[in-house]
N, C-alpha and C. Protein backbone atom coordinates (compact mmCIF):
# COMPACT_ATOMS: atom_id res chain seq x y z
N ILE A 1 -10.96 17.79 6.71
CA ILE A 1 -9.91 16.86 6.49
C ILE A 1 -9.33 16.51 7.81
N GLN A 2 -9.28 17.40 8.85
CA GLN A 2 -8.89 17.26 10.11
C GLN A 2 -9.72 16.24 10.84
N ARG A 3 -10.78 16.42 10.84
CA ARG A 3 -11.70 15.27 11.47
C ARG A 3 -11.67 13.89 10.76
N ASP A 4 -11.45 13.58 9.48
CA ASP A 4 -11.08 12.55 8.84
C ASP A 4 -9.54 12.04 9.43
N ASN A 5 -8.86 12.71 9.51
CA ASN A 5 -7.26 12.26 9.64
C ASN A 5 -7.42 11.87 11.29
N ALA A 6 -8.22 12.51 12.26
CA ALA A 6 -8.47 12.00 13.60
C ALA A 6 -8.91 10.65 13.52
N ALA A 7 -9.79 10.36 12.67
CA ALA A 7 -10.70 9.12 12.76
C ALA A 7 -9.95 8.18 12.51
N ILE A 8 -9.07 8.52 11.41
CA ILE A 8 -8.07 7.38 10.57
C ILE A 8 -7.03 7.15 12.04
N GLN A 9 -6.44 8.00 12.59
CA GLN A 9 -5.66 8.04 13.65
C GLN A 9 -6.48 6.86 14.87
N ALA A 10 -7.40 7.32 15.07
CA ALA A 10 -8.09 6.57 16.21
C ALA A 10 -8.39 5.13 15.65
N LEU A 11 -8.84 4.77 14.50
CA LEU A 11 -8.75 3.62 14.14
C LEU A 11 -7.61 2.51 13.93
N MET A 12 -6.40 3.26 13.51
CA MET A 12 -5.29 2.72 13.38
C MET A 12 -4.83 2.31 14.99
N ARG A 13 -5.15 3.20 15.81
CA ARG A 13 -4.62 3.22 17.44
C ARG A 13 -5.32 1.93 18.10
N ASP A 14 -6.70 1.73 17.68
CA ASP A 14 -7.55 0.76 18.18
C ASP A 14 -7.10 -0.63 17.31
N SER A 15 -6.88 -0.61 16.22
CA SER A 15 -6.48 -1.65 15.52
C SER A 15 -5.33 -2.33 16.15
N LEU A 16 -4.33 -1.49 16.02
CA LEU A 16 -3.11 -1.96 16.59
C LEU A 16 -2.91 -2.56 18.24
N ARG A 17 -3.73 -1.79 18.96
CA ARG A 17 -4.09 -2.29 20.40
C ARG A 17 -4.60 -3.67 20.33
N ARG A 18 -5.64 -3.93 19.54
CA ARG A 18 -6.35 -5.08 19.41
C ARG A 18 -5.39 -6.13 19.04
N ALA A 19 -4.56 -5.89 17.92
CA ALA A 19 -3.74 -6.81 17.34
C ALA A 19 -2.60 -7.26 18.19
N THR A 20 -2.01 -6.26 19.21
CA THR A 20 -1.10 -6.83 19.87
C THR A 20 -1.59 -7.51 21.28
N LYS A 21 -2.78 -7.19 21.59
CA LYS A 21 -3.54 -7.80 22.85
C LYS A 21 -3.80 -9.42 22.43
N GLN A 22 -4.22 -9.44 20.97
CA GLN A 22 -4.34 -10.98 20.50
C GLN A 22 -3.05 -11.54 20.70
N ASP A 23 -2.06 -11.09 20.39
CA ASP A 23 -0.68 -11.87 20.61
C ASP A 23 -0.13 -11.86 22.04
N GLY A 24 -0.68 -11.11 22.57
CA GLY A 24 0.00 -11.18 24.11
C GLY A 24 1.13 -10.11 24.26
N LYS A 25 1.15 -9.34 23.07
CA LYS A 25 2.53 -8.39 23.26
C LYS A 25 1.75 -6.92 23.84
N HIS A 26 2.85 -6.25 24.67
CA HIS A 26 2.23 -4.99 25.21
C HIS A 26 3.41 -3.96 24.97
N ALA A 27 4.51 -4.39 24.49
CA ALA A 27 5.86 -3.53 24.36
C ALA A 27 5.71 -2.58 23.14
N LEU A 28 4.81 -2.64 22.20
CA LEU A 28 4.65 -1.95 20.98
C LEU A 28 4.37 -0.43 21.38
N ASP A 29 5.19 0.27 20.99
CA ASP A 29 4.83 1.83 20.85
C ASP A 29 3.84 2.27 19.74
N ILE A 30 2.53 2.40 20.30
CA ILE A 30 1.40 2.50 19.31
C ILE A 30 1.57 3.63 18.43
N ASN A 31 1.98 4.89 19.14
CA ASN A 31 2.34 6.07 18.23
C ASN A 31 3.46 5.96 17.26
N GLN A 32 4.38 5.25 17.61
CA GLN A 32 5.65 4.84 16.68
C GLN A 32 5.06 4.05 15.74
N ALA A 33 4.29 3.08 15.95
CA ALA A 33 3.92 2.07 14.80
C ALA A 33 2.97 2.74 14.03
N ILE A 34 2.24 3.69 14.18
CA ILE A 34 1.38 4.47 13.63
C ILE A 34 2.28 5.42 12.48
N LEU A 35 3.08 6.06 13.13
CA LEU A 35 3.77 6.79 12.25
C LEU A 35 4.58 6.04 11.26
N GLU A 36 5.28 4.70 11.52
CA GLU A 36 6.06 3.87 10.63
C GLU A 36 4.94 3.51 9.51
N LEU A 37 3.64 3.09 9.88
CA LEU A 37 2.85 2.62 9.13
C LEU A 37 2.42 3.66 8.06
N ARG A 38 2.06 4.76 8.68
CA ARG A 38 1.41 5.99 7.82
C ARG A 38 2.70 6.52 6.65
N ALA A 39 3.80 6.54 7.22
CA ALA A 39 4.97 6.70 6.28
C ALA A 39 5.06 5.86 5.07
N THR A 40 4.99 4.64 5.68
CA THR A 40 5.01 3.39 4.59
C THR A 40 3.94 3.69 3.50
N ALA A 41 2.57 3.85 3.93
CA ALA A 41 1.29 3.88 3.12
C ALA A 41 1.37 5.06 2.18
N TYR A 42 2.23 6.34 2.80
CA TYR A 42 2.42 7.59 2.28
C TYR A 42 3.38 7.33 0.92
N GLY A 43 4.19 6.60 1.24
CA GLY A 43 5.56 6.64 0.21
C GLY A 43 5.08 5.67 -0.81
N LEU A 44 4.38 4.52 -0.44
CA LEU A 44 3.86 3.73 -1.41
C LEU A 44 2.61 4.45 -2.55
N ALA A 45 1.98 5.25 -1.73
CA ALA A 45 0.63 6.11 -2.60
C ALA A 45 1.52 7.00 -3.44
N ARG A 46 2.49 7.60 -2.93
CA ARG A 46 3.31 8.57 -3.64
C ARG A 46 4.08 7.86 -4.77
N MET A 47 4.72 6.72 -4.57
CA MET A 47 5.19 6.21 -5.63
C MET A 47 4.32 5.80 -6.83
N PHE A 48 3.17 5.36 -6.55
CA PHE A 48 2.13 4.95 -7.29
C PHE A 48 1.74 6.16 -8.34
N VAL A 49 1.25 7.29 -7.34
CA VAL A 49 0.83 8.77 -8.20
C VAL A 49 1.91 8.98 -8.95
N ASP A 50 3.17 8.95 -8.82
CA ASP A 50 4.27 9.64 -9.49
C ASP A 50 4.97 8.58 -10.55
N GLY A 51 4.21 7.37 -10.83
CA GLY A 51 4.56 6.61 -11.77
C GLY A 51 5.80 5.83 -11.59
N HIS A 52 6.36 5.65 -10.17
CA HIS A 52 7.67 4.95 -10.12
C HIS A 52 7.53 3.62 -9.98
N LEU A 53 6.50 3.10 -9.68
CA LEU A 53 6.44 1.64 -9.38
C LEU A 53 7.19 0.60 -10.66
N PRO A 54 6.91 0.92 -11.90
CA PRO A 54 7.55 0.14 -12.85
C PRO A 54 9.24 0.07 -12.58
N GLN A 55 9.93 0.99 -11.99
CA GLN A 55 11.34 1.25 -11.84
C GLN A 55 11.63 0.05 -10.60
N TRP A 56 10.42 -0.23 -9.91
CA TRP A 56 10.96 -1.14 -8.83
C TRP A 56 10.21 -2.67 -8.97
N GLY A 57 10.00 -2.96 -10.36
CA GLY A 57 9.57 -4.25 -10.80
C GLY A 57 8.26 -4.36 -10.83
N LEU A 58 7.32 -3.22 -10.41
CA LEU A 58 5.69 -3.58 -10.50
C LEU A 58 5.07 -2.99 -11.80
N ASN A 59 5.16 -3.91 -12.89
CA ASN A 59 4.67 -3.75 -14.06
C ASN A 59 3.33 -4.09 -14.46
N GLU A 60 2.89 -4.73 -13.39
CA GLU A 60 1.40 -5.29 -13.76
C GLU A 60 0.54 -4.19 -13.86
N ALA A 61 -0.67 -4.67 -14.68
CA ALA A 61 -1.67 -3.61 -15.12
C ALA A 61 -2.23 -2.99 -13.83
N ASP A 62 -2.54 -3.66 -12.66
CA ASP A 62 -2.97 -3.44 -11.25
C ASP A 62 -1.87 -3.62 -10.24
N PRO A 63 -1.23 -2.84 -9.87
CA PRO A 63 -0.25 -3.06 -8.64
C PRO A 63 -0.90 -2.99 -7.41
N LEU A 64 -1.96 -2.47 -7.37
CA LEU A 64 -2.60 -2.26 -5.86
C LEU A 64 -2.66 -3.50 -4.90
N GLU A 65 -2.81 -4.59 -5.52
CA GLU A 65 -2.49 -5.76 -4.74
C GLU A 65 -1.32 -5.97 -4.04
N ARG A 66 -0.34 -5.46 -4.80
CA ARG A 66 1.12 -5.94 -4.31
C ARG A 66 1.42 -4.62 -3.04
N LEU A 67 0.70 -3.29 -3.57
CA LEU A 67 0.82 -2.50 -2.40
C LEU A 67 0.22 -2.88 -1.17
N GLN A 68 -0.96 -3.42 -1.36
CA GLN A 68 -1.64 -3.94 -0.20
C GLN A 68 -0.76 -4.92 0.50
N THR A 69 -0.18 -5.96 0.03
CA THR A 69 0.67 -6.94 0.44
C THR A 69 1.90 -6.22 1.17
N ALA A 70 2.47 -5.04 0.41
CA ALA A 70 3.70 -4.57 1.23
C ALA A 70 3.05 -3.87 2.52
N LEU A 71 2.02 -3.23 2.64
CA LEU A 71 1.47 -2.55 3.80
C LEU A 71 1.10 -3.61 5.02
N GLU A 72 0.56 -4.56 4.59
CA GLU A 72 0.16 -5.82 5.51
C GLU A 72 1.73 -6.57 5.88
N ASN A 73 2.46 -6.55 5.06
CA ASN A 73 3.99 -7.17 5.80
C ASN A 73 4.41 -6.14 6.61
N SER A 74 4.39 -4.79 6.24
CA SER A 74 4.92 -4.07 7.32
C SER A 74 4.19 -4.17 8.61
N LEU A 75 3.00 -4.44 8.53
CA LEU A 75 1.98 -4.43 9.89
C LEU A 75 2.43 -5.67 10.63
N ALA A 76 2.55 -6.72 9.82
CA ALA A 76 2.89 -8.02 10.36
C ALA A 76 4.46 -7.99 11.22
N ARG A 77 5.11 -7.13 10.48
CA ARG A 77 6.98 -7.04 10.91
C ARG A 77 6.62 -6.14 12.42
N LEU A 78 5.75 -5.26 12.34
CA LEU A 78 5.63 -4.35 13.54
C LEU A 78 4.85 -4.99 14.82
N ILE A 79 3.91 -6.05 14.64
CA ILE A 79 3.26 -6.52 15.71
C ILE A 79 3.85 -7.83 15.75
N GLY A 80 5.01 -8.08 15.26
CA GLY A 80 5.72 -9.69 15.44
C GLY A 80 5.22 -10.97 14.86
N LYS A 81 4.31 -10.60 13.77
CA LYS A 81 3.73 -11.93 13.21
C LYS A 81 4.63 -12.32 12.04
């Protein structure tokens, strides 16, 4: 699990570096961004597993698309898109 976690962190770090270079931004704190994105992903996953999504208006049969959109929106805000 530790090896998988390290690989995920490396992938996130590389992806964020490439995304910010494409935008010409260099002020993003990559470690802080990873923490924020991981916390968001974990929170959304926990809400899904615990069955809390209907309380927040996600009553569709398959809410995974909405969760993906939430993560994409969080990333876009972090990198300034």
